[in-house]
Amino acid sequence: MSPGKRLPMFYGLQWLFALGLFNSHIALGWESACSSFTLHDLTDVAVSATTYYAANATVDLATNMSSIDTNTLPGFCRVELVITTNTTAKSSCNTEVWLPDEWNGRVLTVGNGGFAGGVNVADLGYLAIAQGFAGISTDTGHTGGVWVGTWGGPYNDNAIVDWGWRALHLSVVTGKEVANQYYGQTQKKSYYLGCSTGGRQGLKEIQAFPEDFDGIVVGSPANWQTHLQDWSIHMNLDVQPASRFINASQWINVVHPELTDGIINDPRFCDFRPETLACRPEQDPSTCLTIPQIEAARRIYADYYETNQTWIFGPYYPGGEVAFPDGLVTEAPFELGQDWFRYFVLNDTEWTIEQYNASLIPIADEIDPGQSNAIDPNLTAFAGPEHNGKVLHYVGWADQLISPGNSLHWYETVYAFTQAYTGLEMDEFYRMFTGGYGANAFGGSQQASSSMPPLSMAPEYNILAAIVQWVEEGTAPSSLYAVYWNNNNVTDGIGFVRPLCQYPRSLRYNGGNQSTPEGFTDNMIGRFGQPESSNQRQANQDGRIMSVHRAGCPPDLFVPPPPPPPRTIFQGMASLQPSSPPEITVLYFAGASTATGLTTERVRLPPFEPASASPPGFPLSALPPYLAARHPNTTLAAVLAQSSWAVNEEMVDDPATVTLHGGEEIAVICPVSGG
């Protein structure tokens, strides 16, 4: 709140009416600026279209990469560009820059997935525009399905280079200039967020063009492309021939229950023995595994090594079996991996996965199609004192397309290089967080567009806000909190909230409430790769061997199933509420009053903030979804998305900076046109 910015409540609707007219004039000005926008002093760039979307207008767009259909976004201008990537080859990429009316002065570039082939409109809307960033995204130089690589060959090396790095870099440079010219001022910071291929793109950028970004968020990066695709074919072959194939029912109903009584928090400490599932004589084979299937499982859960113990890639980890049938261990060849070798490496359109052998690994490494590998561990130019860039990296243990082991290998490679050859401290510029079983919403790529937004826009819950806070305020995150929305849908309410653990620490269940962060602690990994407790240290010193649970996971890795689904979004956190919950008074005006049928409402606060938060309490930024959940089947959510706030008669500039403790009077200030 800004001192002196008082809102006399007796001004009432007269003040609100004036605000509505003012906002209408502003909107008309942005619409004019958008429709008349032209780009100056940039060669090899053409503006193909501009479209203005007023606040709460329907935005219904689809590309091969993603789609968006919503009426909850602030007003923005969509600028479509064609950028020439190679004048000799006459190649180009399609790029979009989305420019919000209420710009926060920052630029956010969002990445792609798979082979891309379309602009990531979902993250442009739900991440960039929704949080006030100017957003940039590209199709990487071609149009096509994310799993289809036929455009890469034979011998279309120029297009592969566009996909590998060039289209994104040129889009970043151009997109920044578009924002500068549109707003008439230079952006104060530049950020990046992407997962999978998008994670690779972000790491490639900071290795090759360290000045492009001040901070990046990368998830499960596909940064070692040449080894990732070797591994994907290797995994596919693990379940061939048919006698070794494990069908979806067996993964879900036979293997998965043997591994999980509830939720595994860190599967590295599970020594799974698939032999315990061997079929007995006369047993129904749908309820067990045959010897060939056990051999396949052993390979699937193991790191991939080749000649001279050369590490190629990581394994599948225990606990993710429900998603395995949709990953690499399928009856049909994995399309992306096969196309990689056909069109990117061998230029042989008849090649099949049965022809794969270890001799192809060094061939692919030498070619490095499109210079797409992003494996240079020297991040000094990005992270050093001249630039001071930051990286937040997240990885889910249940990833069925990119082994989480790749993220661990990459992190340790950078760590070793940093220790050996620089004066930098890894923790001061690069932090990785692990998780992904269950609690999977924390502001990452394509989470909000899949109906899984973060619990709050505060940095503890929203990884994009966390990287901004680290870059601009110097506050590095030591933990993040992810939410599991029941049925992976925010409208079905909270299932549980769980910490994401900063690597190399390991999350362990401590016997408390499994629906809250307080039910878990993170432990530093010991000398032998195990989380050390006082009892374990004593056991190690005494030479005793720890017992294992069922198929090989220590008991405290398992969590009892969460409680029954809550009735509304925040009621599921009832176990966190004190005996006398704090209350606030909410004043509704104009559209908010119309939506609720109320002018005032007493609201009890659900204090879901972790106990370690300082100060503890309920963030004002989390109030809109809380209020909307109290008034389902109304227009309140849409109204609140465009509203301002006043607390105890003082206007609020940034709701993320205000924490409620009970007793406050909150006014919802919405434009008159909203009612």
Foldseek 3Di string as FASTA:
>chain_A
DDPPQFFDCVCFVVVQQVVQVVVVVLLVVLQVLQQPDDAPDDPQKDWPDKDKDAQQRFDFDDALFGTDTGRQFHIWMKTWMWGQLDVVVRFTWIKIKIAGSQAPLEAEEEETAALQQTWHVLCCTPPARLVRHTYMTISLGHHDHSQAQPVQDDVVLVSQLSSQARVVVVRLVVNQSSNCVSVVHGRPFYEYAYEACSLLRVLQCLVPPLVSGQEYEYELYCQAVLLLLLVLLVLQCLQPDVLQADDLLCLVPAQQVLQALAAFQDQVQFQFQLVVQDDDPPRDCSRGHHPSNSSSVVVQQAFDADPPRHGRAHHQGHNQSNCQCVARHHNDHRRNSVSCCCRFQPVPVPDDSVPDDPVVSVSCVVCVRSVNRSQPLPSCVNCPPVRNGAYEYEYESNDRSHHPRVVVVSLVVNQVCCVPPHPDHCQQHYWYWYGHTQQDEQAHPCLVVQQRHWLFPAVQRHVVNQSVCCSPVVDHDQKHKGWHQVVSHLFQATQAIEITHIPPWTKWQPPDQPRAHVRIDTAHQDPVRHGDDPVVVVCVVVVHDDDADRRGHRPRSHDNHTDPGDRWHQVNLVVQADPDFAKEKEAEGALLCVFQVDGIDIDGDRQRDDPPDVPGAAQQRSVLRVVCRVRDPTCSSSQQSQWWKDKQRRTDDDSNVDGDRHDIYMYTSGNNVSD
